[in-house]
Amino acid sequence: MNPFSLHSTLLLFFIVLGNLVPVKAQEREKSAEAQIAALERQVENMQHTFQKITKGIDDLSWYDKLADYAYTDKVIITGPPPAVIKNPTAQGANNPILFSAYVFVPKTIDIHKKYPLIVLPHGGVHAYFETSYAHIIRELMVQEYVVVAPDYRGSTGYGAGFYRLIDYGGLEVDDVQASRDYMLENYDFLDKGRVGIMGWSHGGMITLLSLFNHPENYAVGYAGVPVSDLVARMGYKSQSYRDLYAADYHMGKQAVDNVAEYRKRSPAWNAAKLKTPLLVHTNTNDEDVNVLEVEHLIQALKAEGKKFDYEIYKDKPGGHHYDRIDNYGAKEIRLKVYKFLEQYLKPNKPFNNLDELIKASYFPRD
């Protein structure tokens, strides 16, 4: 054999071998990445399955905890089509979304009379209306408020597809309006002139945006520890929290890449729109919504010359949940909230004092 040919052949072999090894390594790396991605999807699906189970259990608890106080129902209604439609030409792609809402009607009502309605959106980036609110619903039932609590798009317990419909500070607000409209269209004993909205945390943010965007729909609003400034919020939260908003099915970008969109969804940057009586509460030791967000909201409302009520509580026990827990101090604060709402919604059986509120959690009123 020609020595030159042998050398050339060996050289060519090692060149090919040298090129093949990285290719195989790359293939293994891609395969590992694909396996990790598949495992992540499986874990996510398992999480959503588990949330469906816990949600079902929680739903049963609603009927048990309110048996003596309310006629409880869970209805399915429609909201606007998704904010992000991957295949807009697919069959049904532009259909309104379906979502659930809880309806609570006091057992003491007379359907021949008129009653006020309270819309109560839950908190959380992703959460649902859970039975930790049961004592508050009981207090509202005793006063003879009718309540609707929507599990708007992005709520947990309804699967991955619904979870990914989230539109934080956007179309979820329209879902809440849809729940209000549903109630007024289907319950003749509701007074259209006596509709209020209240919520805490992200539910407080939805309350504010609902009042700002639909002032004609509400007589009054209460926002407890409301998320108020998403731009500031992204600054003091962790990267993993920021990534929730930057997901491709959500905002799609970090705040640094689209400040205008984050401001658009922030109540503090929309304070000029307020036309409705409003009460705002916050707590200086809130571990979730830093008090600086609500302070910015209060300053913005004042700068716009808006008339509203507010109180900044100092280091109240319970932090973010200080006025939703069951202790005496929390009930004192809730009584203030109810007395504020009472001015505009005029419930048939308002609380006259704290003793009546305390008893309401254990004994239905005749």
Protein backbone atom coordinates (compact mmCIF):
# COMPACT_ATOMS: atom_id res chain seq x y z
CA MET A 1 0.00 0.00 0.00
CA ASN A 2 1.24 3.47 -0.79
CA PRO A 3 2.51 4.93 2.52
CA PHE A 4 1.05 8.27 1.60
CA SER A 5 -2.32 6.71 1.00
CA LEU A 6 -2.19 4.89 4.38
CA HIS A 7 -1.27 8.12 6.17
CA SER A 8 -4.01 9.95 4.35
CA THR A 9 -6.51 7.25 5.23
CA LEU A 10 -5.55 7.27 8.92
CA LEU A 11 -5.63 11.04 9.00
CA LEU A 12 -9.05 11.05 7.41
CA PHE A 13 -10.23 8.42 9.94
CA PHE A 14 -9.14 10.47 12.92
CA ILE A 15 -10.63 13.62 11.46
CA VAL A 16 -13.95 11.85 10.99
CA LEU A 17 -13.71 10.27 14.47
CA GLY A 18 -12.90 13.65 15.97
CA ASN A 19 -15.98 15.09 14.35
CA LEU A 20 -18.20 12.18 15.33
CA VAL A 21 -17.48 12.33 19.06
CA PRO A 22 -18.82 15.88 19.54
CA VAL A 23 -21.84 15.01 17.44
CA LYS A 24 -22.63 12.06 19.68
CA ALA A 25 -22.02 14.22 22.77
CA GLN A 26 -24.35 16.86 21.38
CA GLU A 27 -26.96 14.21 20.66
CA ARG A 28 -26.67 12.88 24.21
CA GLU A 29 -26.95 16.42 25.57
CA LYS A 30 -30.05 17.10 23.47
CA SER A 31 -31.52 13.78 24.55
CA ALA A 32 -30.91 14.64 28.21
CA GLU A 33 -32.48 18.05 27.73
CA ALA A 34 -35.50 16.46 26.08
CA GLN A 35 -35.84 13.97 28.93
CA ILE A 36 -35.60 16.75 31.52
CA ALA A 37 -38.21 18.78 29.65
CA ALA A 38 -40.50 15.74 29.50
CA LEU A 39 -40.05 15.14 33.23
CA GLU A 40 -40.79 18.79 33.97
CA ARG A 41 -44.03 18.52 31.96
CA GLN A 42 -44.97 15.36 33.87
CA VAL A 43 -44.30 17.06 37.21
CA GLU A 44 -46.34 20.09 36.13
CA ASN A 45 -49.23 17.86 35.04
CA MET A 46 -49.06 16.01 38.36
CA GLN A 47 -49.16 19.33 40.21
CA HIS A 48 -52.26 20.39 38.31
CA THR A 49 -53.87 17.00 38.94
CA PHE A 50 -53.16 17.34 42.65
CA GLN A 51 -54.58 20.88 42.62
CA LYS A 52 -57.77 19.57 40.99
CA ILE A 53 -58.15 17.05 43.79
CA THR A 54 -57.57 19.58 46.56
CA LYS A 55 -59.90 21.99 44.78
CA GLY A 56 -62.66 19.37 44.71
CA ILE A 57 -62.25 18.76 48.43
CA ASP A 58 -62.33 22.49 49.11
CA ASP A 59 -65.53 22.82 47.06
CA LEU A 60 -67.24 20.24 49.25
CA SER A 61 -66.11 22.16 52.32
CA TRP A 62 -67.93 25.28 51.13
CA TYR A 63 -71.30 23.55 51.37
CA ASP A 64 -70.47 22.16 54.81
CA LYS A 65 -69.14 25.38 56.33
CA LEU A 66 -72.02 27.54 55.06
CA ALA A 67 -74.87 25.04 55.45
CA ASP A 68 -76.69 27.15 58.07
CA TYR A 69 -75.98 30.49 56.42
CA ALA A 70 -76.22 30.34 52.64
CA TYR A 71 -77.58 28.70 49.55
CA THR A 72 -74.27 27.86 47.90
CA ASP A 73 -73.81 27.20 44.21
CA LYS A 74 -70.98 27.01 41.70
CA VAL A 75 -71.83 28.23 38.22
CA ILE A 76 -69.98 28.22 34.91
CA ILE A 77 -70.02 31.42 32.88
CA THR A 78 -68.03 32.98 30.04
CA GLY A 79 -65.38 35.65 29.78
CA PRO A 80 -63.57 37.18 26.78
CA PRO A 81 -61.46 34.97 24.48
CA PRO A 82 -57.86 34.26 25.58
CA ALA A 83 -55.33 37.08 25.47
CA VAL A 84 -52.88 34.83 23.60
CA ILE A 85 -54.24 32.54 20.87
CA LYS A 86 -51.50 30.36 19.38
CA ASN A 87 -53.58 29.21 16.41
CA PRO A 88 -56.30 31.83 15.76
CA THR A 89 -57.66 29.90 12.75
CA ALA A 90 -58.26 26.69 14.73
CA GLN A 91 -61.84 25.63 15.36
CA GLY A 92 -63.23 27.53 18.33
CA ALA A 93 -59.96 29.40 18.93
CA ASN A 94 -61.74 32.71 19.45
CA ASN A 95 -64.53 31.36 21.64
CA PRO A 96 -65.12 33.05 25.01
CA ILE A 97 -63.41 31.17 27.82
CA LEU A 98 -65.40 29.25 30.42
CA PHE A 99 -64.75 29.87 34.10
CA SER A 100 -66.41 29.09 37.42
CA ALA A 101 -67.84 31.38 40.07
CA TYR A 102 -69.21 30.72 43.54
CA VAL A 103 -72.61 32.16 44.39
CA PHE A 104 -73.65 32.66 48.01
CA VAL A 105 -77.22 33.70 48.82
CA PRO A 106 -78.29 34.27 52.46
CA LYS A 107 -80.83 31.73 53.67
CA THR A 108 -82.78 34.51 55.38
CA ILE A 109 -83.70 36.47 52.25
CA ASP A 110 -87.17 37.19 50.94
CA ILE A 111 -87.03 36.94 47.15
CA HIS A 112 -89.71 39.60 46.89
CA LYS A 113 -87.29 42.19 48.30
CA LYS A 114 -84.08 43.69 46.93
CA TYR A 115 -80.58 42.93 48.21
CA PRO A 116 -77.07 44.30 47.66
CA LEU A 117 -74.41 42.33 45.77
CA ILE A 118 -70.72 42.06 46.62
CA VAL A 119 -68.21 40.84 44.03
CA LEU A 120 -65.25 39.19 45.77
CA PRO A 121 -62.25 38.25 43.58
CA HIS A 122 -59.63 36.05 45.23
CA GLY A 123 -55.94 36.88 45.60
CA GLY A 124 -52.76 35.24 44.36
CA VAL A 125 -50.84 35.29 41.09
CA HIS A 126 -52.33 31.81 40.64
CA ALA A 127 -54.83 30.71 43.29
CA TYR A 128 -58.55 30.07 43.77
CA PHE A 129 -61.39 31.15 46.06
CA GLU A 130 -60.72 28.88 49.04
CA THR A 131 -62.59 28.14 52.24
CA SER A 132 -60.18 30.23 54.30
CA TYR A 133 -62.69 32.97 53.42
CA ALA A 134 -65.60 31.04 54.94
CA HIS A 135 -65.82 33.16 58.09
CA ILE A 136 -65.91 36.32 55.97
CA ILE A 137 -68.67 34.90 53.79
CA ARG A 138 -70.63 34.01 56.92
CA GLU A 139 -70.28 37.60 58.15
CA LEU A 140 -71.56 38.87 54.81
CA MET A 141 -74.44 36.39 54.76
CA VAL A 142 -75.60 37.47 58.22
CA GLN A 143 -75.77 41.07 56.96
CA GLU A 144 -77.78 39.77 53.97
CA TYR A 145 -75.35 40.50 51.20
CA VAL A 146 -75.41 38.25 48.15
CA VAL A 147 -71.86 37.36 47.10
CA VAL A 148 -70.28 36.18 43.86
CA ALA A 149 -66.66 35.00 43.97
CA PRO A 150 -65.19 34.24 40.52
CA ASP A 151 -62.35 31.83 39.83
CA TYR A 152 -61.19 33.95 36.89
CA ARG A 153 -58.72 32.84 34.19
CA GLY A 154 -55.41 31.63 35.60
CA SER A 155 -56.95 30.22 38.78
CA THR A 156 -55.58 26.92 40.03
CA GLY A 157 -57.51 23.67 40.34
CA TYR A 158 -58.79 23.65 36.75
CA GLY A 159 -55.85 22.17 34.86
CA ALA A 160 -52.78 23.42 33.03
CA GLY A 161 -54.73 24.91 30.11
CA PHE A 162 -56.81 27.19 32.33
CA TYR A 163 -53.76 28.06 34.44
CA ARG A 164 -51.99 29.28 31.30
CA LEU A 165 -54.85 31.59 30.38
CA ILE A 166 -53.70 34.01 33.08
CA ASP A 167 -53.78 37.68 32.10
CA TYR A 168 -52.72 39.40 35.32
CA GLY A 169 -54.37 42.80 35.58
CA GLY A 170 -55.89 42.36 32.12
CA LEU A 171 -58.70 40.08 30.94
CA GLU A 172 -59.08 38.56 34.40
CA VAL A 173 -60.65 41.90 35.37
CA ASP A 174 -63.16 41.39 32.55
CA ASP A 175 -63.93 37.92 33.92
CA VAL A 176 -64.78 39.55 37.24
CA GLN A 177 -67.08 42.00 35.45
CA ALA A 178 -68.71 39.06 33.69
CA SER A 179 -69.47 37.47 37.06
CA ARG A 180 -71.10 40.71 38.23
CA ASP A 181 -73.20 40.92 35.06
CA TYR A 182 -74.22 37.27 35.36
CA MET A 183 -75.60 37.87 38.84
CA LEU A 184 -77.63 40.92 37.86
CA GLU A 185 -79.04 39.16 34.82
CA ASN A 186 -80.07 36.00 36.68
CA TYR A 187 -81.14 37.05 40.18
CA ASP A 188 -84.17 39.35 40.21
CA PHE A 189 -83.84 40.12 43.92
CA LEU A 190 -80.56 41.99 43.42
CA ASP A 191 -80.51 45.80 43.45
CA LYS A 192 -78.48 47.01 40.46
CA GLY A 193 -77.77 50.26 42.27
CA ARG A 194 -76.23 48.50 45.27
CA VAL A 195 -73.27 46.58 43.93
CA GLY A 196 -69.89 46.68 45.65
CA ILE A 197 -66.55 45.00 45.11
CA MET A 198 -63.95 43.98 47.66
CA GLY A 199 -60.75 41.97 47.69
CA TRP A 200 -57.36 41.46 49.27
CA SER A 201 -53.87 41.33 47.76
CA HIS A 202 -54.23 40.53 44.04
CA GLY A 203 -57.99 40.58 44.66
CA GLY A 204 -57.45 44.12 45.96
CA MET A 205 -55.67 44.98 42.74
CA ILE A 206 -58.58 43.60 40.71
CA THR A 207 -60.94 45.63 42.90
CA LEU A 208 -59.02 48.82 42.09
CA LEU A 209 -58.78 48.11 38.35
CA SER A 210 -62.47 47.21 38.27
CA LEU A 211 -63.36 50.55 39.85
CA PHE A 212 -61.00 52.43 37.55
CA ASN A 213 -62.12 50.70 34.34
CA HIS A 214 -65.84 50.24 35.15
CA PRO A 215 -66.82 53.04 37.57
CA GLU A 216 -70.45 52.86 36.49
CA ASN A 217 -70.71 49.25 37.71
CA TYR A 218 -70.02 49.78 41.39
CA ALA A 219 -71.33 51.90 44.24
CA VAL A 220 -68.28 51.29 46.46
CA GLY A 221 -65.04 49.32 46.75
CA TYR A 222 -62.67 48.03 49.41
CA ALA A 223 -59.04 47.12 48.60
CA GLY A 224 -57.09 45.34 51.34
CA VAL A 225 -53.27 45.15 51.05
CA PRO A 226 -53.67 45.60 47.27
CA VAL A 227 -50.92 44.90 44.77
CA SER A 228 -50.57 48.46 43.50
CA ASP A 229 -47.35 48.96 41.54
CA LEU A 230 -46.05 46.08 39.41
CA VAL A 231 -42.94 48.00 38.36
CA ALA A 232 -41.86 48.47 41.98
CA ARG A 233 -43.01 44.94 42.83
CA MET A 234 -40.72 43.39 40.23
CA GLY A 235 -37.87 45.33 41.82
CA TYR A 236 -38.14 43.79 45.28
CA LYS A 237 -39.33 40.28 44.36
CA SER A 238 -37.14 37.30 43.40
CA GLN A 239 -36.17 36.33 39.87
CA SER A 240 -38.39 33.24 40.02
CA TYR A 241 -41.35 35.51 40.86
CA ARG A 242 -40.51 37.83 37.94
CA ASP A 243 -40.31 34.78 35.68
CA LEU A 244 -43.98 34.00 36.42
CA TYR A 245 -44.92 37.21 34.63
CA ALA A 246 -42.39 36.88 31.83
CA ALA A 247 -43.69 33.44 30.76
CA ASP A 248 -44.67 33.25 27.10
CA TYR A 249 -48.31 32.54 28.02
CA HIS A 250 -48.43 35.55 30.35
CA MET A 251 -46.85 39.02 30.00
CA GLY A 252 -44.15 37.59 27.76
CA LYS A 253 -41.45 40.00 28.93
CA GLN A 254 -39.73 41.11 32.10
CA ALA A 255 -40.64 44.55 33.43
CA VAL A 256 -37.25 45.89 32.34
CA ASP A 257 -38.19 45.04 28.74
CA ASN A 258 -41.73 46.44 28.81
CA VAL A 259 -42.19 48.97 31.60
CA ALA A 260 -45.21 50.51 29.84
CA GLU A 261 -47.22 47.26 30.01
CA TYR A 262 -46.45 46.77 33.70
CA ARG A 263 -47.50 50.36 34.44
CA LYS A 264 -50.70 49.85 32.45
CA ARG A 265 -51.67 47.00 34.80
CA SER A 266 -50.72 48.88 38.00
CA PRO A 267 -53.42 50.75 39.98
CA ALA A 268 -50.94 53.36 41.27
CA TRP A 269 -50.29 54.46 37.70
CA ASN A 270 -54.02 54.70 36.93
CA ALA A 271 -55.17 56.69 39.95
CA ALA A 272 -56.67 59.45 37.82
CA LYS A 273 -59.51 57.11 36.83
CA LEU A 274 -61.06 56.79 40.31
CA LYS A 275 -64.68 57.98 40.52
CA THR A 276 -66.11 55.56 43.10
CA PRO A 277 -66.06 55.66 46.93
CA LEU A 278 -63.04 53.64 48.01
CA LEU A 279 -61.45 52.36 51.22
CA VAL A 280 -57.83 51.17 51.18
CA HIS A 281 -56.09 49.31 54.02
CA THR A 282 -52.49 48.18 54.34
CA ASN A 283 -50.07 46.93 57.00
CA THR A 284 -46.44 48.02 57.50
CA ASN A 285 -45.19 44.49 58.24
CA ASP A 286 -46.86 42.89 55.20
CA GLU A 287 -44.43 40.22 53.99
CA ASP A 288 -46.08 39.88 50.56
CA VAL A 289 -47.24 43.31 49.35
CA ASN A 290 -44.61 45.73 50.60
CA VAL A 291 -46.27 48.79 52.12
CA LEU A 292 -44.36 51.00 49.66
CA GLU A 293 -46.71 49.83 46.87
CA VAL A 294 -49.82 50.95 48.71
CA GLU A 295 -48.14 54.16 49.84
CA HIS A 296 -47.49 54.93 46.18
CA LEU A 297 -51.16 54.30 45.40
CA ILE A 298 -52.26 56.60 48.24
CA GLN A 299 -49.86 59.33 47.12
CA ALA A 300 -51.04 59.00 43.52
CA LEU A 301 -54.72 59.26 44.50
CA LYS A 302 -53.97 62.33 46.60
CA ALA A 303 -51.98 63.91 43.78
CA GLU A 304 -55.00 63.47 41.50
CA GLY A 305 -57.23 65.16 44.07
CA LYS A 306 -59.33 62.03 44.61
CA LYS A 307 -61.60 61.64 47.61
CA PHE A 308 -61.11 58.27 49.27
CA ASP A 309 -60.52 56.69 52.68
CA TYR A 310 -57.45 54.80 53.80
CA GLU A 311 -55.61 53.50 56.83
CA ILE A 312 -52.03 52.28 57.18
CA TYR A 313 -51.85 49.85 60.09
CA LYS A 314 -48.61 49.58 62.06
CA ASP A 315 -47.12 46.08 62.43
CA LYS A 316 -50.43 44.29 62.96
CA PRO A 317 -50.16 40.58 63.84
CA GLY A 318 -50.77 38.41 60.81
CA GLY A 319 -48.74 40.47 58.33
CA HIS A 320 -50.33 40.13 54.90
CA HIS A 321 -53.41 38.44 56.39
CA TYR A 322 -53.78 40.74 59.41
CA ASP A 323 -57.47 41.59 58.87
CA ARG A 324 -58.60 38.26 57.41
CA ILE A 325 -57.66 36.04 60.35
CA ASP A 326 -59.94 35.13 63.26
CA ASN A 327 -58.49 37.12 66.12
CA TYR A 328 -60.22 40.00 67.90
CA GLY A 329 -58.12 42.73 66.24
CA ALA A 330 -58.88 41.44 62.74
CA LYS A 331 -62.60 41.45 63.48
CA GLU A 332 -62.37 45.04 64.70
CA ILE A 333 -60.84 46.03 61.38
CA ARG A 334 -63.40 44.05 59.36
CA LEU A 335 -66.15 45.88 61.24
CA LYS A 336 -64.66 49.14 59.94
CA VAL A 337 -64.76 47.72 56.43
CA TYR A 338 -68.39 46.64 56.80
CA LYS A 339 -69.42 50.02 58.23
CA PHE A 340 -67.81 51.71 55.22
CA LEU A 341 -69.60 49.44 52.76
CA GLU A 342 -72.84 49.89 54.65
CA GLN A 343 -72.96 53.60 53.80
CA TYR A 344 -73.35 52.82 50.10
CA LEU A 345 -74.83 49.31 49.94
CA LYS A 346 -77.31 49.57 52.82
CA PRO A 347 -77.64 45.88 53.75
CA ASN A 348 -80.86 44.87 55.48
CA LYS A 349 -79.11 43.64 58.63
CA PRO A 350 -75.87 45.57 59.16
CA PHE A 351 -73.71 44.97 62.21
CA ASN A 352 -74.37 47.52 64.92
CA ASN A 353 -71.33 46.59 66.99
CA LEU A 354 -68.42 44.18 67.30
CA ASP A 355 -70.34 41.71 69.45
CA GLU A 356 -72.78 41.12 66.60
CA LEU A 357 -69.92 40.46 64.20
CA ILE A 358 -68.26 38.02 66.60
CA LYS A 359 -71.46 36.06 67.07
CA ALA A 360 -72.06 35.99 63.31
CA SER A 361 -69.18 33.58 62.84
CA TYR A 362 -70.87 31.00 65.02
CA PHE A 363 -74.59 31.70 65.09
CA PRO A 364 -76.74 32.66 62.10
CA ARG A 365 -79.10 35.56 62.73
CA ASP A 366 -82.84 34.93 62.68
